[in-house]
C-alpha cells in the first residue's frame, strides 16, 4: 500500500517556523514526519528552502530535484516548488532563471517578497530601472515605500550609522575603507556569498594580520546599497540596518568568526 502524502495540517507548523527563520527546526520536524517514505513534494520544497536558509545549497538542490520528480500531477505543490526553485537559482547566482521563476509566482499571486526578489534579480542583471520599479510595486502591496536614496544621501546615512557604533568599532574605520556598491557581483563576492547580502568584509582580519605574508591583502568593508534599501521603509530603519551590518563586518575585521559574531548580539 502506498503511504498517504503529508497533510496540510502537518506542514503548517514547519511553514510557520520557516517564516520565523528557524530552519533547523523545520528540518527536524520534516525528518520526524518522513519516517515511512510518504510522497512529499511540498515537504521537499520546504526542505530545500530551509537548507537555503542554512546555506547548504548542494543539499537544497538535491532535495528540490527529488521533490520535482515526485510532484507528478500534484498541482497543489507546484507553487511551493516554483518558489524553492526560484530561491535556489537566485542563491546559485542564476538570476535569469530565478527571474523567470519569480515571474511565474508574480503572475499567480503577487506578493511583497516576490516583487522584492524580482527587484534584486533586475539589479543583478544590470537593469536598475526595473529594479526600482519592482521595489516601488512591492511597496504598493503594503501601502508603503521602501527607501531609495541617491549616493550622497546614502553616504550621510552611513556616516550617521558609524556615529552610533561602539568606539572600539568606529575607530577601526579610520583606516579601513567602506565601499558602497549597488549589489554584489559573483566575481567579486564569490559563489558562497548570497546575492542579497547586505555587507561583506574582504581582506585579512586583525588577528590574521599579525602573521607574515598578508600585507598585500588590505581589508575593506563593502556595503550593498540596494539590498539595504530593500530592507528599510524609512531612513531610520535604513540607518539601523547599516549600523548592524557595519558592526557585523567590523567584528570579522577584528577576527571574530560567524559564531563569535552571532554571540555578540548585534541588534
C-alpha atoms as a PDB file:
ATOM      1  CA  UNK A   1       0.000   0.000   0.000  1.00  0.00           C
ATOM      2  CA  UNK A   2       1.297   3.469  -0.921  1.00  0.00           C
ATOM      3  CA  UNK A   3       1.595   5.707   2.157  1.00  0.00           C
ATOM      4  CA  UNK A   4      -0.640   8.783   2.274  1.00  0.00           C
ATOM      5  CA  UNK A   5       1.024  12.114   1.399  1.00  0.00           C
ATOM      6  CA  UNK A   6       1.656  14.738   4.004  1.00  0.00           C
ATOM      7  CA  UNK A   7      -1.427  16.696   5.041  1.00  0.00           C
ATOM      8  CA  UNK A   8      -1.694  20.478   5.045  1.00  0.00           C
ATOM      9  CA  UNK A   9      -2.037  20.385   8.830  1.00  0.00           C
ATOM     10  CA  UNK A  10       1.255  18.521   9.207  1.00  0.00           C
ATOM     11  CA  UNK A  11       3.064  21.114   7.111  1.00  0.00           C
ATOM     12  CA  UNK A  12       1.534  24.220   8.695  1.00  0.00           C
ATOM     13  CA  UNK A  13       3.955  24.203  11.626  1.00  0.00           C
ATOM     14  CA  UNK A  14       7.161  23.885   9.556  1.00  0.00           C
ATOM     15  CA  UNK A  15       5.984  26.640   7.193  1.00  0.00           C
ATOM     16  CA  UNK A  16       5.410  28.909  10.192  1.00  0.00           C
ATOM     17  CA  UNK A  17       8.862  28.069  11.566  1.00  0.00           C
ATOM     18  CA  UNK A  18      10.443  28.817   8.208  1.00  0.00           C
ATOM     19  CA  UNK A  19       8.786  32.248   8.200  1.00  0.00           C
ATOM     20  CA  UNK A  20      10.370  32.836  11.619  1.00  0.00           C
ATOM     21  CA  UNK A  21      13.833  31.908  10.340  1.00  0.00           C
ATOM     22  CA  UNK A  22      14.011  28.661  12.343  1.00  0.00           C
ATOM     23  CA  UNK A  23      15.298  26.485   9.510  1.00  0.00           C
ATOM     24  CA  UNK A  24      16.966  23.843  11.680  1.00  0.00           C
ATOM     25  CA  UNK A  25      13.686  23.172  13.467  1.00  0.00           C
ATOM     26  CA  UNK A  26      11.931  22.857  10.113  1.00  0.00           C
ATOM     27  CA  UNK A  27      14.328  20.112   9.064  1.00  0.00           C
ATOM     28  CA  UNK A  28      13.936  18.335  12.400  1.00  0.00           C
ATOM     29  CA  UNK A  29      10.137  18.238  12.094  1.00  0.00           C
ATOM     30  CA  UNK A  30      10.238  17.077   8.471  1.00  0.00           C
ATOM     31  CA  UNK A  31      12.661  14.299   9.381  1.00  0.00           C
ATOM     32  CA  UNK A  32      10.263  13.059  12.052  1.00  0.00           C
ATOM     33  CA  UNK A  33       7.313  13.161   9.662  1.00  0.00           C
ATOM     34  CA  UNK A  34       9.152  11.350   6.882  1.00  0.00           C
ATOM     35  CA  UNK A  35       9.623   8.037   8.669  1.00  0.00           C
ATOM     36  CA  UNK A  36       7.560   5.933   6.266  1.00  0.00           C
ATOM     37  CA  UNK A  37       8.694   7.170   2.832  1.00  0.00           C
ATOM     38  CA  UNK A  38       5.489   9.035   2.107  1.00  0.00           C
ATOM     39  CA  UNK A  39       5.330  11.156  -1.062  1.00  0.00           C
ATOM     40  CA  UNK A  40       6.309  14.663  -0.080  1.00  0.00           C
ATOM     41  CA  UNK A  41       6.854  17.148  -2.942  1.00  0.00           C
ATOM     42  CA  UNK A  42       5.723  20.086  -0.793  1.00  0.00           C
ATOM     43  CA  UNK A  43       7.817  18.817   2.103  1.00  0.00           C
ATOM     44  CA  UNK A  44      10.705  18.623  -0.359  1.00  0.00           C
ATOM     45  CA  UNK A  45      10.155  22.261  -1.274  1.00  0.00           C
ATOM     46  CA  UNK A  46      10.139  23.122   2.428  1.00  0.00           C
ATOM     47  CA  UNK A  47      13.343  21.147   2.939  1.00  0.00           C
ATOM     48  CA  UNK A  48      15.031  22.939   0.047  1.00  0.00           C
ATOM     49  CA  UNK A  49      14.023  26.362   1.365  1.00  0.00           C
ATOM     50  CA  UNK A  50      15.218  25.525   4.882  1.00  0.00           C
ATOM     51  CA  UNK A  51      18.545  24.293   3.519  1.00  0.00           C
ATOM     52  CA  UNK A  52      18.846  27.528   1.520  1.00  0.00           C
ATOM     53  CA  UNK A  53      18.414  29.464   4.762  1.00  0.00           C
ATOM     54  CA  UNK A  54      21.197  27.376   6.306  1.00  0.00           C
ATOM     55  CA  UNK A  55      23.481  27.957   3.324  1.00  0.00           C
ATOM     56  CA  UNK A  56      23.656  24.311   2.216  1.00  0.00           C
ATOM     57  CA  UNK A  57      22.859  24.877  -1.447  1.00  0.00           C
ATOM     58  CA  UNK A  58      24.101  21.480  -2.652  1.00  0.00           C
ATOM     59  CA  UNK A  59      21.688  19.673  -0.336  1.00  0.00           C
ATOM     60  CA  UNK A  60      18.927  22.160  -1.168  1.00  0.00           C
ATOM     61  CA  UNK A  61      19.260  21.494  -4.876  1.00  0.00           C
ATOM     62  CA  UNK A  62      19.238  17.725  -4.338  1.00  0.00           C
ATOM     63  CA  UNK A  63      16.106  17.933  -2.195  1.00  0.00           C
ATOM     64  CA  UNK A  64      14.422  20.147  -4.747  1.00  0.00           C
ATOM     65  CA  UNK A  65      15.248  17.923  -7.709  1.00  0.00           C
ATOM     66  CA  UNK A  66      13.806  14.915  -5.883  1.00  0.00           C
ATOM     67  CA  UNK A  67      10.662  16.863  -4.958  1.00  0.00           C
ATOM     68  CA  UNK A  68      10.202  17.983  -8.561  1.00  0.00           C
ATOM     69  CA  UNK A  69      10.376  14.357  -9.712  1.00  0.00           C
ATOM     70  CA  UNK A  70       7.920  13.254  -7.015  1.00  0.00           C
ATOM     71  CA  UNK A  71       5.425  16.046  -7.692  1.00  0.00           C
ATOM     72  CA  UNK A  72       3.965  14.405 -10.814  1.00  0.00           C
ATOM     73  CA  UNK A  73       0.403  15.679 -11.135  1.00  0.00           C
ATOM     74  CA  UNK A  74       0.325  17.204  -7.647  1.00  0.00           C
ATOM     75  CA  UNK A  75      -0.685  20.719  -8.669  1.00  0.00           C
ATOM     76  CA  UNK A  76      -1.026  21.733  -5.038  1.00  0.00           C
ATOM     77  CA  UNK A  77       2.735  21.541  -4.596  1.00  0.00           C
ATOM     78  CA  UNK A  78       3.625  23.421  -7.784  1.00  0.00           C
ATOM     79  CA  UNK A  79       3.670  26.942  -6.336  1.00  0.00           C
ATOM     80  CA  UNK A  80       5.960  25.979  -3.472  1.00  0.00           C
ATOM     81  CA  UNK A  81       8.236  24.055  -5.809  1.00  0.00           C
ATOM     82  CA  UNK A  82       8.487  27.115  -8.063  1.00  0.00           C
ATOM     83  CA  UNK A  83       9.321  29.226  -5.003  1.00  0.00           C
ATOM     84  CA  UNK A  84      12.030  26.801  -3.930  1.00  0.00           C
ATOM     85  CA  UNK A  85      13.414  26.649  -7.477  1.00  0.00           C
ATOM     86  CA  UNK A  86      13.472  30.455  -7.659  1.00  0.00           C
ATOM     87  CA  UNK A  87      15.380  30.719  -4.383  1.00  0.00           C
ATOM     88  CA  UNK A  88      17.884  28.015  -5.299  1.00  0.00           C
ATOM     89  CA  UNK A  89      18.531  29.609  -8.698  1.00  0.00           C
ATOM     90  CA  UNK A  90      18.960  33.038  -7.124  1.00  0.00           C
ATOM     91  CA  UNK A  91      21.376  31.837  -4.442  1.00  0.00           C
ATOM     92  CA  UNK A  92      23.280  29.874  -7.086  1.00  0.00           C
ATOM     93  CA  UNK A  93      23.803  33.147  -8.957  1.00  0.00           C
ATOM     94  CA  UNK A  94      21.469  32.223 -11.817  1.00  0.00           C
ATOM     95  CA  UNK A  95      19.468  35.472 -11.849  1.00  0.00           C
ATOM     96  CA  UNK A  96      17.866  34.948 -15.277  1.00  0.00           C
ATOM     97  CA  UNK A  97      16.460  31.563 -14.239  1.00  0.00           C
ATOM     98  CA  UNK A  98      15.427  32.970 -10.858  1.00  0.00           C
ATOM     99  CA  UNK A  99      13.658  35.903 -12.509  1.00  0.00           C
ATOM    100  CA  UNK A 100      11.652  33.553 -14.725  1.00  0.00           C
ATOM    101  CA  UNK A 101      10.539  31.523 -11.695  1.00  0.00           C
ATOM    102  CA  UNK A 102       9.654  34.609  -9.642  1.00  0.00           C
ATOM    103  CA  UNK A 103       7.681  35.958 -12.611  1.00  0.00           C
ATOM    104  CA  UNK A 104       5.611  32.756 -12.531  1.00  0.00           C
ATOM    105  CA  UNK A 105       4.890  33.377  -8.855  1.00  0.00           C
ATOM    106  CA  UNK A 106       4.033  37.014  -9.525  1.00  0.00           C
ATOM    107  CA  UNK A 107       1.582  36.038 -12.260  1.00  0.00           C
ATOM    108  CA  UNK A 108      -0.092  33.522  -9.940  1.00  0.00           C
ATOM    109  CA  UNK A 109      -0.236  35.533  -6.715  1.00  0.00           C
ATOM    110  CA  UNK A 110       1.612  38.870  -6.345  1.00  0.00           C
ATOM    111  CA  UNK A 111       3.390  39.389  -3.047  1.00  0.00           C
ATOM    112  CA  UNK A 112       5.819  41.827  -1.447  1.00  0.00           C
ATOM    113  CA  UNK A 113       8.526  39.184  -1.147  1.00  0.00           C
ATOM    114  CA  UNK A 114       8.220  38.101  -4.786  1.00  0.00           C
ATOM    115  CA  UNK A 115       8.418  41.679  -6.055  1.00  0.00           C
ATOM    116  CA  UNK A 116      11.459  42.404  -3.891  1.00  0.00           C
ATOM    117  CA  UNK A 117      13.129  39.289  -5.303  1.00  0.00           C
ATOM    118  CA  UNK A 118      12.305  40.467  -8.834  1.00  0.00           C
ATOM    119  CA  UNK A 119      13.839  43.826  -7.906  1.00  0.00           C
ATOM    120  CA  UNK A 120      17.029  42.053  -6.826  1.00  0.00           C
ATOM    121  CA  UNK A 121      17.122  39.938  -9.992  1.00  0.00           C
ATOM    122  CA  UNK A 122      16.809  43.082 -12.117  1.00  0.00           C
ATOM    123  CA  UNK A 123      19.673  44.747 -10.254  1.00  0.00           C
ATOM    124  CA  UNK A 124      21.857  41.668 -10.647  1.00  0.00           C
ATOM    125  CA  UNK A 125      21.093  41.617 -14.378  1.00  0.00           C
ATOM    126  CA  UNK A 126      22.163  45.235 -14.778  1.00  0.00           C
ATOM    127  CA  UNK A 127      18.695  46.790 -15.077  1.00  0.00           C
ATOM    128  CA  UNK A 128      18.460  49.247 -12.156  1.00  0.00           C
ATOM    129  CA  UNK A 129      15.354  50.969 -13.545  1.00  0.00           C
ATOM    130  CA  UNK A 130      13.442  47.676 -13.472  1.00  0.00           C
ATOM    131  CA  UNK A 131      14.863  47.031 -10.016  1.00  0.00           C
ATOM    132  CA  UNK A 132      13.470  50.320  -8.744  1.00  0.00           C
ATOM    133  CA  UNK A 133      10.108  49.691 -10.417  1.00  0.00           C
ATOM    134  CA  UNK A 134       9.703  46.260  -8.818  1.00  0.00           C
ATOM    135  CA  UNK A 135      10.697  47.761  -5.472  1.00  0.00           C
ATOM    136  CA  UNK A 136       8.070  50.511  -5.909  1.00  0.00           C
ATOM    137  CA  UNK A 137       5.445  47.895  -6.778  1.00  0.00           C
ATOM    138  CA  UNK A 138       6.393  45.883  -3.690  1.00  0.00           C
ATOM    139  CA  UNK A 139       5.680  48.938  -1.567  1.00  0.00           C
ATOM    140  CA  UNK A 140       2.272  49.309  -3.186  1.00  0.00           C
ATOM    141  CA  UNK A 141       1.179  45.968  -1.707  1.00  0.00           C
ATOM    142  CA  UNK A 142       1.908  47.163   1.816  1.00  0.00           C
ATOM    143  CA  UNK A 143       0.800  50.777   1.381  1.00  0.00           C
ATOM    144  CA  UNK A 144       4.328  51.996   1.955  1.00  0.00           C
ATOM    145  CA  UNK A 145       7.532  52.676   0.093  1.00  0.00           C
ATOM    146  CA  UNK A 146      10.943  51.145   0.515  1.00  0.00           C
ATOM    147  CA  UNK A 147      13.796  53.597   0.880  1.00  0.00           C
ATOM    148  CA  UNK A 148      15.601  54.831  -2.228  1.00  0.00           C
ATOM    149  CA  UNK A 149      18.426  57.355  -1.839  1.00  0.00           C
ATOM    150  CA  UNK A 150      20.983  58.929  -4.116  1.00  0.00           C
ATOM    151  CA  UNK A 151      24.652  58.321  -3.432  1.00  0.00           C
ATOM    152  CA  UNK A 152      25.243  61.448  -1.344  1.00  0.00           C
ATOM    153  CA  UNK A 153      22.175  60.880   0.833  1.00  0.00           C
ATOM    154  CA  UNK A 154      23.115  57.240   1.384  1.00  0.00           C
ATOM    155  CA  UNK A 155      26.644  58.278   2.445  1.00  0.00           C
ATOM    156  CA  UNK A 156      25.106  60.636   5.012  1.00  0.00           C
ATOM    157  CA  UNK A 157      23.096  57.777   6.477  1.00  0.00           C
ATOM    158  CA  UNK A 158      26.259  55.639   6.603  1.00  0.00           C
ATOM    159  CA  UNK A 159      28.038  58.439   8.485  1.00  0.00           C
ATOM    160  CA  UNK A 160      25.138  58.634  10.949  1.00  0.00           C
ATOM    161  CA  UNK A 161      25.270  54.864  11.479  1.00  0.00           C
ATOM    162  CA  UNK A 162      29.022  54.994  12.119  1.00  0.00           C
ATOM    163  CA  UNK A 163      28.479  57.569  14.878  1.00  0.00           C
ATOM    164  CA  UNK A 164      26.215  55.055  16.636  1.00  0.00           C
ATOM    165  CA  UNK A 165      28.847  52.290  16.699  1.00  0.00           C
ATOM    166  CA  UNK A 166      30.767  51.478  19.892  1.00  0.00           C
ATOM    167  CA  UNK A 167      34.034  53.491  19.928  1.00  0.00           C
ATOM    168  CA  UNK A 168      36.197  50.375  19.559  1.00  0.00           C
ATOM    169  CA  UNK A 169      34.471  49.542  16.302  1.00  0.00           C
ATOM    170  CA  UNK A 170      34.122  53.051  14.921  1.00  0.00           C
ATOM    171  CA  UNK A 171      37.835  53.734  15.455  1.00  0.00           C
ATOM    172  CA  UNK A 172      38.814  50.927  13.079  1.00  0.00           C
ATOM    173  CA  UNK A 173      37.032  52.712  10.225  1.00  0.00           C
ATOM    174  CA  UNK A 174      39.684  55.438  10.329  1.00  0.00           C
ATOM    175  CA  UNK A 175      41.966  53.206   8.256  1.00  0.00           C
ATOM    176  CA  UNK A 176      39.568  50.678   6.721  1.00  0.00           C
ATOM    177  CA  UNK A 177      37.596  51.876   3.684  1.00  0.00           C
ATOM    178  CA  UNK A 178      33.840  51.400   3.468  1.00  0.00           C
ATOM    179  CA  UNK A 179      32.946  50.850  -0.184  1.00  0.00           C
ATOM    180  CA  UNK A 180      29.323  51.335  -1.248  1.00  0.00           C
ATOM    181  CA  UNK A 181      28.096  49.338  -4.243  1.00  0.00           C
ATOM    182  CA  UNK A 182      24.560  48.660  -5.543  1.00  0.00           C
ATOM    183  CA  UNK A 183      24.645  44.847  -5.221  1.00  0.00           C
ATOM    184  CA  UNK A 184      27.395  42.237  -5.015  1.00  0.00           C
ATOM    185  CA  UNK A 185      28.711  40.535  -8.104  1.00  0.00           C
ATOM    186  CA  UNK A 186      29.581  36.823  -8.245  1.00  0.00           C
ATOM    187  CA  UNK A 187      33.135  37.530  -9.331  1.00  0.00           C
ATOM    188  CA  UNK A 188      33.908  39.952  -6.528  1.00  0.00           C
ATOM    189  CA  UNK A 189      31.860  38.369  -3.778  1.00  0.00           C
ATOM    190  CA  UNK A 190      32.414  34.708  -4.591  1.00  0.00           C
ATOM    191  CA  UNK A 191      29.804  31.988  -5.188  1.00  0.00           C
ATOM    192  CA  UNK A 192      29.307  31.336  -1.463  1.00  0.00           C
ATOM    193  CA  UNK A 193      28.131  34.897  -0.798  1.00  0.00           C
ATOM    194  CA  UNK A 194      24.362  35.248  -1.328  1.00  0.00           C
ATOM    195  CA  UNK A 195      23.335  37.963  -3.795  1.00  0.00           C
ATOM    196  CA  UNK A 196      21.033  39.550  -1.198  1.00  0.00           C
ATOM    197  CA  UNK A 197      23.834  40.013   1.324  1.00  0.00           C
ATOM    198  CA  UNK A 198      23.857  43.434   2.985  1.00  0.00           C
ATOM    199  CA  UNK A 199      27.585  43.756   3.503  1.00  0.00           C
ATOM    200  CA  UNK A 200      30.870  41.927   3.192  1.00  0.00           C
ATOM    201  CA  UNK A 201      34.299  42.099   4.792  1.00  0.00           C
ATOM    202  CA  UNK A 202      37.123  41.237   2.424  1.00  0.00           C
ATOM    203  CA  UNK A 203      40.766  41.049   3.356  1.00  0.00           C
ATOM    204  CA  UNK A 204      42.759  39.936   6.343  1.00  0.00           C
ATOM    205  CA  UNK A 205      41.448  40.330   9.866  1.00  0.00           C
ATOM    206  CA  UNK A 206      43.409  41.979  12.649  1.00  0.00           C
ATOM    207  CA  UNK A 207      44.054  38.518  14.067  1.00  0.00           C
ATOM    208  CA  UNK A 208      45.410  37.039  10.839  1.00  0.00           C
ATOM    209  CA  UNK A 209      47.268  40.242  10.015  1.00  0.00           C
ATOM    210  CA  UNK A 210      49.620  39.618  12.909  1.00  0.00           C
ATOM    211  CA  UNK A 211      51.261  36.896  10.833  1.00  0.00           C
ATOM    212  CA  UNK A 212      53.655  37.411   7.955  1.00  0.00           C
ATOM    213  CA  UNK A 213      52.537  37.100   4.351  1.00  0.00           C
ATOM    214  CA  UNK A 214      49.275  39.053   4.443  1.00  0.00           C
ATOM    215  CA  UNK A 215      50.496  42.596   3.830  1.00  0.00           C
ATOM    216  CA  UNK A 216      49.253  42.560   0.227  1.00  0.00           C
ATOM    217  CA  UNK A 217      45.620  41.952   1.256  1.00  0.00           C
ATOM    218  CA  UNK A 218      44.302  45.284   2.583  1.00  0.00           C
ATOM    219  CA  UNK A 219      40.985  44.948   4.417  1.00  0.00           C
ATOM    220  CA  UNK A 220      37.832  46.651   3.170  1.00  0.00           C
ATOM    221  CA  UNK A 221      34.147  46.622   4.058  1.00  0.00           C
ATOM    222  CA  UNK A 222      31.561  46.578   1.293  1.00  0.00           C
ATOM    223  CA  UNK A 223      28.003  47.838   1.786  1.00  0.00           C
ATOM    224  CA  UNK A 224      25.379  46.911  -0.804  1.00  0.00           C
ATOM    225  CA  UNK A 225      23.060  49.892  -1.036  1.00  0.00           C
ATOM    226  CA  UNK A 226      20.185  48.401  -2.996  1.00  0.00           C
ATOM    227  CA  UNK A 227      19.979  45.337  -0.754  1.00  0.00           C
ATOM    228  CA  UNK A 228      19.974  47.545   2.340  1.00  0.00           C
ATOM    229  CA  UNK A 229      17.291  49.791   0.856  1.00  0.00           C
ATOM    230  CA  UNK A 230      15.073  46.782   0.195  1.00  0.00           C
ATOM    231  CA  UNK A 231      15.128  46.115   3.949  1.00  0.00           C
ATOM    232  CA  UNK A 232      14.025  49.581   5.058  1.00  0.00           C
ATOM    233  CA  UNK A 233      10.768  51.546   4.868  1.00  0.00           C
ATOM    234  CA  UNK A 234      12.329  54.808   6.095  1.00  0.00           C
ATOM    235  CA  UNK A 235      15.706  56.401   6.738  1.00  0.00           C
ATOM    236  CA  UNK A 236      15.692  55.427  10.428  1.00  0.00           C
ATOM    237  CA  UNK A 237      15.275  51.744   9.535  1.00  0.00           C
ATOM    238  CA  UNK A 238      17.974  52.096   6.891  1.00  0.00           C
ATOM    239  CA  UNK A 239      20.407  53.642   9.368  1.00  0.00           C
ATOM    240  CA  UNK A 240      19.779  50.770  11.780  1.00  0.00           C
ATOM    241  CA  UNK A 241      20.324  48.161   9.053  1.00  0.00           C
ATOM    242  CA  UNK A 242      23.591  49.863   8.105  1.00  0.00           C
ATOM    243  CA  UNK A 243      24.714  50.066  11.743  1.00  0.00           C
ATOM    244  CA  UNK A 244      24.103  46.361  12.317  1.00  0.00           C
ATOM    245  CA  UNK A 245      25.805  45.452   9.030  1.00  0.00           C
ATOM    246  CA  UNK A 246      28.863  47.585   9.817  1.00  0.00           C
ATOM    247  CA  UNK A 247      29.005  46.103  13.319  1.00  0.00           C
ATOM    248  CA  UNK A 248      28.889  42.614  11.828  1.00  0.00           C
ATOM    249  CA  UNK A 249      31.610  43.229   9.234  1.00  0.00           C
ATOM    250  CA  UNK A 250      33.833  45.095  11.680  1.00  0.00           C
ATOM    251  CA  UNK A 251      33.604  42.104  14.004  1.00  0.00           C
ATOM    252  CA  UNK A 252      35.013  39.977  11.174  1.00  0.00           C
ATOM    253  CA  UNK A 253      37.770  42.552  10.719  1.00  0.00           C
ATOM    254  CA  UNK A 254      38.638  42.206  14.405  1.00  0.00           C
ATOM    255  CA  UNK A 255      38.929  38.441  13.959  1.00  0.00           C
ATOM    256  CA  UNK A 256      35.543  37.044  15.059  1.00  0.00           C
ATOM    257  CA  UNK A 257      34.116  34.153  13.036  1.00  0.00           C
ATOM    258  CA  UNK A 258      30.377  33.801  12.343  1.00  0.00           C
ATOM    259  CA  UNK A 259      29.689  32.047  15.660  1.00  0.00           C
ATOM    260  CA  UNK A 260      31.573  34.743  17.511  1.00  0.00           C
ATOM    261  CA  UNK A 261      29.707  37.498  15.700  1.00  0.00           C
ATOM    262  CA  UNK A 262      26.335  35.897  16.455  1.00  0.00           C
ATOM    263  CA  UNK A 263      27.260  35.529  20.116  1.00  0.00           C
ATOM    264  CA  UNK A 264      27.943  39.258  20.372  1.00  0.00           C
ATOM    265  CA  UNK A 265      24.330  40.221  19.698  1.00  0.00           C
ATOM    266  CA  UNK A 266      24.278  42.927  17.063  1.00  0.00           C
ATOM    267  CA  UNK A 267      20.718  44.210  17.226  1.00  0.00           C
END
